């Protein structure tokens, strides 16, 4: 999993289309492969007698199994308010401290 958001890397995965102010489109298979790499790691792969669509099902199942039931257990000491998620961290809305997961 990557520690920082890399906009240039994400844009390199998008189609080379000028969309003006809008974000450029990304192919669905490319997006799923990037989510697989992000959540399951560079070394995760599927070996089986199937096509890409069957591999997609394996990716979705593996991500759901790995991240099933993950919730915020507690917030920071100063506040029990809801937290908001920034790029790669979760912060308390009241005080801005990092939330304990």
N, C-alpha and C. Protein backbone atom coordinates (compact mmCIF):
# COMPACT_ATOMS: atom_id res chain seq x y z
N UNK A 1 0.85 -1.17 0.00
CA UNK A 1 0.00 0.00 0.00
C UNK A 1 0.89 1.24 0.00
N UNK A 2 0.52 2.20 -0.77
CA UNK A 2 1.28 3.44 -0.89
C UNK A 2 0.99 4.35 0.29
N UNK A 3 2.00 5.07 0.77
CA UNK A 3 1.84 5.94 1.93
C UNK A 3 1.30 7.32 1.56
N UNK A 4 1.60 7.79 0.38
CA UNK A 4 1.18 9.14 -0.02
C UNK A 4 0.41 9.07 -1.34
N UNK A 5 -0.50 10.01 -1.50
CA UNK A 5 -1.25 10.12 -2.75
C UNK A 5 -0.32 10.69 -3.82
N UNK A 6 -0.25 10.03 -4.96
CA UNK A 6 0.61 10.47 -6.05
C UNK A 6 -0.27 10.78 -7.26
N UNK A 7 -0.61 12.05 -7.42
CA UNK A 7 -1.53 12.45 -8.48
C UNK A 7 -0.95 12.16 -9.86
N UNK A 8 0.33 12.36 -10.04
CA UNK A 8 0.95 12.09 -11.35
C UNK A 8 0.83 10.63 -11.73
N UNK A 9 1.02 9.73 -10.75
CA UNK A 9 0.90 8.31 -11.03
C UNK A 9 -0.53 7.96 -11.43
N UNK A 10 -1.51 8.47 -10.68
CA UNK A 10 -2.91 8.19 -10.99
C UNK A 10 -3.27 8.73 -12.38
N UNK A 11 -2.81 9.94 -12.68
CA UNK A 11 -3.09 10.51 -14.00
C UNK A 11 -2.44 9.70 -15.12
N UNK A 12 -1.31 9.07 -14.83
CA UNK A 12 -0.66 8.24 -15.84
C UNK A 12 -1.48 6.99 -16.17
N UNK A 13 -2.39 6.61 -15.28
CA UNK A 13 -3.26 5.45 -15.52
C UNK A 13 -4.50 5.83 -16.33
N UNK A 14 -4.78 7.12 -16.43
CA UNK A 14 -5.98 7.59 -17.12
C UNK A 14 -5.77 7.62 -18.63
N UNK A 15 -6.89 7.67 -19.32
CA UNK A 15 -6.83 7.81 -20.77
C UNK A 15 -6.31 9.20 -21.12
N UNK A 16 -5.58 9.29 -22.20
CA UNK A 16 -5.00 10.57 -22.63
C UNK A 16 -6.03 11.37 -23.41
N UNK A 17 -6.98 11.95 -22.67
CA UNK A 17 -8.07 12.73 -23.27
C UNK A 17 -8.14 14.06 -22.54
N UNK A 18 -8.26 15.14 -23.28
CA UNK A 18 -8.39 16.46 -22.66
C UNK A 18 -9.85 16.66 -22.27
N UNK A 19 -10.11 16.74 -20.98
CA UNK A 19 -11.47 16.91 -20.48
C UNK A 19 -11.67 18.27 -19.84
N UNK A 20 -10.74 19.19 -20.09
CA UNK A 20 -10.87 20.52 -19.53
C UNK A 20 -10.75 20.50 -18.02
N UNK A 21 -11.75 21.00 -17.34
CA UNK A 21 -11.75 21.08 -15.88
C UNK A 21 -12.08 19.74 -15.22
N UNK A 22 -12.66 18.82 -15.95
CA UNK A 22 -13.06 17.53 -15.39
C UNK A 22 -11.87 16.58 -15.31
N UNK A 23 -11.99 15.60 -14.45
CA UNK A 23 -10.94 14.58 -14.36
C UNK A 23 -10.97 13.69 -15.58
N UNK A 24 -9.82 13.22 -16.03
CA UNK A 24 -9.79 12.37 -17.22
C UNK A 24 -10.37 10.99 -16.90
N UNK A 25 -10.93 10.32 -17.92
CA UNK A 25 -11.52 9.00 -17.68
C UNK A 25 -10.45 7.93 -17.49
N UNK A 26 -10.85 6.88 -16.76
CA UNK A 26 -9.97 5.74 -16.55
C UNK A 26 -10.75 4.48 -16.92
N UNK A 27 -10.12 3.60 -17.63
CA UNK A 27 -10.73 2.34 -17.99
C UNK A 27 -11.07 1.55 -16.72
N UNK A 28 -12.21 0.88 -16.71
CA UNK A 28 -12.66 0.15 -15.51
C UNK A 28 -11.68 -0.94 -15.10
N UNK A 29 -11.11 -1.65 -16.06
CA UNK A 29 -10.15 -2.71 -15.73
C UNK A 29 -8.88 -2.14 -15.12
N UNK A 30 -8.42 -1.01 -15.64
CA UNK A 30 -7.24 -0.35 -15.08
C UNK A 30 -7.53 0.10 -13.65
N UNK A 31 -8.72 0.65 -13.42
CA UNK A 31 -9.09 1.10 -12.07
C UNK A 31 -9.12 -0.08 -11.10
N UNK A 32 -9.70 -1.19 -11.51
CA UNK A 32 -9.76 -2.36 -10.63
C UNK A 32 -8.37 -2.91 -10.34
N UNK A 33 -7.51 -2.94 -11.35
CA UNK A 33 -6.13 -3.40 -11.15
C UNK A 33 -5.38 -2.50 -10.17
N UNK A 34 -5.63 -1.19 -10.23
CA UNK A 34 -4.97 -0.27 -9.30
C UNK A 34 -5.49 -0.46 -7.89
N UNK A 35 -6.80 -0.68 -7.74
CA UNK A 35 -7.35 -0.95 -6.41
C UNK A 35 -6.81 -2.27 -5.86
N UNK A 36 -6.66 -3.25 -6.72
CA UNK A 36 -6.07 -4.53 -6.31
C UNK A 36 -4.65 -4.31 -5.80
N UNK A 37 -3.87 -3.57 -6.55
CA UNK A 37 -2.49 -3.32 -6.15
C UNK A 37 -2.44 -2.53 -4.84
N UNK A 38 -3.32 -1.54 -4.70
CA UNK A 38 -3.32 -0.70 -3.51
C UNK A 38 -3.74 -1.47 -2.26
N UNK A 39 -4.83 -2.23 -2.36
CA UNK A 39 -5.37 -2.91 -1.18
C UNK A 39 -4.74 -4.28 -0.91
N UNK A 40 -4.33 -4.99 -1.95
CA UNK A 40 -3.83 -6.35 -1.76
C UNK A 40 -2.32 -6.44 -1.91
N UNK A 41 -1.70 -5.43 -2.49
CA UNK A 41 -0.24 -5.43 -2.61
C UNK A 41 0.24 -5.80 -4.01
N UNK A 42 1.49 -5.44 -4.28
CA UNK A 42 2.08 -5.69 -5.60
C UNK A 42 2.25 -7.18 -5.89
N UNK A 43 2.38 -7.97 -4.84
CA UNK A 43 2.68 -9.38 -5.05
C UNK A 43 1.43 -10.27 -5.11
N UNK A 44 0.22 -9.69 -5.02
CA UNK A 44 -1.00 -10.49 -5.09
C UNK A 44 -1.33 -10.76 -6.54
N UNK A 45 -1.67 -12.00 -6.84
CA UNK A 45 -2.08 -12.35 -8.19
C UNK A 45 -3.03 -13.53 -8.14
N UNK A 46 -3.77 -13.73 -9.22
CA UNK A 46 -4.74 -14.81 -9.34
C UNK A 46 -4.26 -15.76 -10.41
N UNK A 47 -4.18 -17.03 -10.07
CA UNK A 47 -3.81 -18.06 -11.04
C UNK A 47 -4.97 -19.03 -11.12
N UNK A 48 -5.52 -19.16 -12.29
CA UNK A 48 -6.63 -20.07 -12.45
C UNK A 48 -7.04 -20.15 -13.90
N UNK A 49 -7.81 -21.16 -14.21
CA UNK A 49 -8.27 -21.32 -15.60
C UNK A 49 -9.47 -20.42 -15.88
N UNK A 50 -9.22 -19.15 -16.03
CA UNK A 50 -10.31 -18.23 -16.26
C UNK A 50 -9.84 -17.00 -16.99
N UNK A 51 -10.79 -16.14 -17.27
CA UNK A 51 -10.47 -14.90 -17.97
C UNK A 51 -10.39 -13.75 -16.97
N UNK A 52 -10.25 -12.55 -17.49
CA UNK A 52 -10.09 -11.37 -16.64
C UNK A 52 -11.31 -11.14 -15.75
N UNK A 53 -12.50 -11.44 -16.26
CA UNK A 53 -13.72 -11.22 -15.46
C UNK A 53 -13.77 -12.14 -14.26
N UNK A 54 -13.29 -13.38 -14.40
CA UNK A 54 -13.23 -14.27 -13.24
C UNK A 54 -12.16 -13.80 -12.26
N UNK A 55 -11.06 -13.27 -12.78
CA UNK A 55 -10.04 -12.68 -11.93
C UNK A 55 -10.57 -11.48 -11.17
N UNK A 56 -11.44 -10.69 -11.82
CA UNK A 56 -12.05 -9.53 -11.16
C UNK A 56 -12.86 -9.97 -9.94
N UNK A 57 -13.60 -11.07 -10.08
CA UNK A 57 -14.38 -11.59 -8.96
C UNK A 57 -13.45 -11.99 -7.82
N UNK A 58 -12.32 -12.60 -8.12
CA UNK A 58 -11.35 -12.99 -7.09
C UNK A 58 -10.79 -11.75 -6.38
N UNK A 59 -10.54 -10.69 -7.14
CA UNK A 59 -10.03 -9.44 -6.55
C UNK A 59 -11.05 -8.86 -5.58
N UNK A 60 -12.30 -8.77 -6.01
CA UNK A 60 -13.35 -8.20 -5.15
C UNK A 60 -13.52 -9.04 -3.89
N UNK A 61 -13.53 -10.35 -4.03
CA UNK A 61 -13.68 -11.22 -2.85
C UNK A 61 -12.50 -11.07 -1.90
N UNK A 62 -11.29 -11.00 -2.44
CA UNK A 62 -10.09 -10.88 -1.59
C UNK A 62 -10.10 -9.55 -0.83
N UNK A 63 -10.49 -8.45 -1.50
CA UNK A 63 -10.54 -7.15 -0.82
C UNK A 63 -11.61 -7.17 0.26
N UNK A 64 -12.80 -7.72 -0.05
CA UNK A 64 -13.86 -7.75 0.95
C UNK A 64 -13.49 -8.63 2.14
N UNK A 65 -12.83 -9.76 1.90
CA UNK A 65 -12.42 -10.63 3.00
C UNK A 65 -11.36 -9.96 3.86
N UNK A 66 -10.43 -9.25 3.24
CA UNK A 66 -9.34 -8.63 3.99
C UNK A 66 -9.82 -7.43 4.80
N UNK A 67 -10.77 -6.66 4.27
CA UNK A 67 -11.20 -5.42 4.92
C UNK A 67 -12.61 -5.52 5.50
N UNK A 68 -13.14 -6.71 5.64
CA UNK A 68 -14.49 -6.91 6.18
C UNK A 68 -14.53 -6.48 7.65
N UNK A 69 -15.52 -5.66 7.99
CA UNK A 69 -15.74 -5.27 9.38
C UNK A 69 -14.81 -4.21 9.92
N UNK A 70 -13.98 -3.59 9.08
CA UNK A 70 -13.10 -2.54 9.57
C UNK A 70 -13.93 -1.30 9.86
N UNK A 71 -13.82 -0.83 11.09
CA UNK A 71 -14.54 0.36 11.51
C UNK A 71 -13.63 1.18 12.42
N UNK A 72 -14.01 2.42 12.61
CA UNK A 72 -13.27 3.25 13.56
C UNK A 72 -13.62 2.77 14.96
N UNK A 73 -12.64 2.34 15.73
CA UNK A 73 -12.88 1.82 17.07
C UNK A 73 -13.08 2.95 18.07
N UNK A 74 -12.23 3.96 18.00
CA UNK A 74 -12.38 5.10 18.89
C UNK A 74 -11.75 6.32 18.25
N UNK A 75 -12.19 7.45 18.69
CA UNK A 75 -11.66 8.70 18.17
C UNK A 75 -10.55 9.17 19.11
N UNK A 76 -10.07 10.35 18.89
CA UNK A 76 -9.04 10.90 19.76
C UNK A 76 -9.61 11.17 21.15
N UNK A 77 -8.76 11.44 22.10
CA UNK A 77 -9.17 11.65 23.49
C UNK A 77 -10.06 12.88 23.65
N UNK A 78 -9.83 13.91 22.85
CA UNK A 78 -10.54 15.17 23.02
C UNK A 78 -11.97 15.15 22.49
N UNK A 79 -12.31 14.20 21.63
CA UNK A 79 -13.62 14.26 21.00
C UNK A 79 -14.12 12.89 20.62
N UNK A 80 -15.40 12.70 20.69
CA UNK A 80 -16.03 11.46 20.23
C UNK A 80 -16.89 11.74 18.99
N UNK A 81 -16.60 12.84 18.32
CA UNK A 81 -17.35 13.22 17.12
C UNK A 81 -16.97 12.31 15.96
N UNK A 82 -17.75 12.40 14.91
CA UNK A 82 -17.43 11.65 13.71
C UNK A 82 -16.10 12.09 13.13
N UNK A 83 -15.47 11.20 12.44
CA UNK A 83 -14.18 11.51 11.82
C UNK A 83 -14.37 11.67 10.33
N UNK A 84 -13.46 12.38 9.71
CA UNK A 84 -13.47 12.50 8.26
C UNK A 84 -12.18 11.89 7.73
N UNK A 85 -12.24 11.35 6.54
CA UNK A 85 -11.07 10.70 5.96
C UNK A 85 -10.41 11.63 4.96
N UNK A 86 -9.13 11.92 5.19
CA UNK A 86 -8.36 12.67 4.22
C UNK A 86 -7.72 11.68 3.26
N UNK A 87 -6.72 12.11 2.53
CA UNK A 87 -6.13 11.27 1.49
C UNK A 87 -5.72 9.91 2.03
N UNK A 88 -4.91 9.85 3.07
CA UNK A 88 -4.45 8.57 3.59
C UNK A 88 -4.58 8.44 5.09
N UNK A 89 -5.24 9.37 5.74
CA UNK A 89 -5.37 9.32 7.19
C UNK A 89 -6.79 9.70 7.58
N UNK A 90 -7.18 9.34 8.77
CA UNK A 90 -8.48 9.71 9.29
C UNK A 90 -8.27 10.66 10.45
N UNK A 91 -8.98 11.77 10.44
CA UNK A 91 -8.82 12.80 11.45
C UNK A 91 -10.15 13.11 12.12
N UNK A 92 -10.08 13.51 13.38
CA UNK A 92 -11.25 13.94 14.13
C UNK A 92 -11.73 15.27 13.55
N UNK A 93 -13.04 15.43 13.39
CA UNK A 93 -13.58 16.67 12.85
C UNK A 93 -13.49 17.82 13.84
N UNK A 94 -13.50 17.51 15.14
CA UNK A 94 -13.49 18.57 16.14
C UNK A 94 -12.10 19.12 16.39
N UNK A 95 -11.12 18.25 16.65
CA UNK A 95 -9.80 18.74 17.04
C UNK A 95 -8.73 18.54 15.97
N UNK A 96 -8.98 17.71 14.98
CA UNK A 96 -8.02 17.50 13.90
C UNK A 96 -6.97 16.45 14.19
N UNK A 97 -7.00 15.82 15.37
CA UNK A 97 -6.03 14.78 15.69
C UNK A 97 -6.32 13.51 14.91
N UNK A 98 -5.28 12.70 14.73
CA UNK A 98 -5.43 11.44 14.01
C UNK A 98 -6.30 10.48 14.82
N UNK A 99 -7.19 9.79 14.14
CA UNK A 99 -8.09 8.84 14.78
C UNK A 99 -7.38 7.50 14.91
N UNK A 100 -7.58 6.85 16.05
CA UNK A 100 -7.02 5.52 16.26
C UNK A 100 -7.94 4.51 15.61
N UNK A 101 -7.40 3.69 14.73
CA UNK A 101 -8.21 2.68 14.05
C UNK A 101 -8.10 1.36 14.77
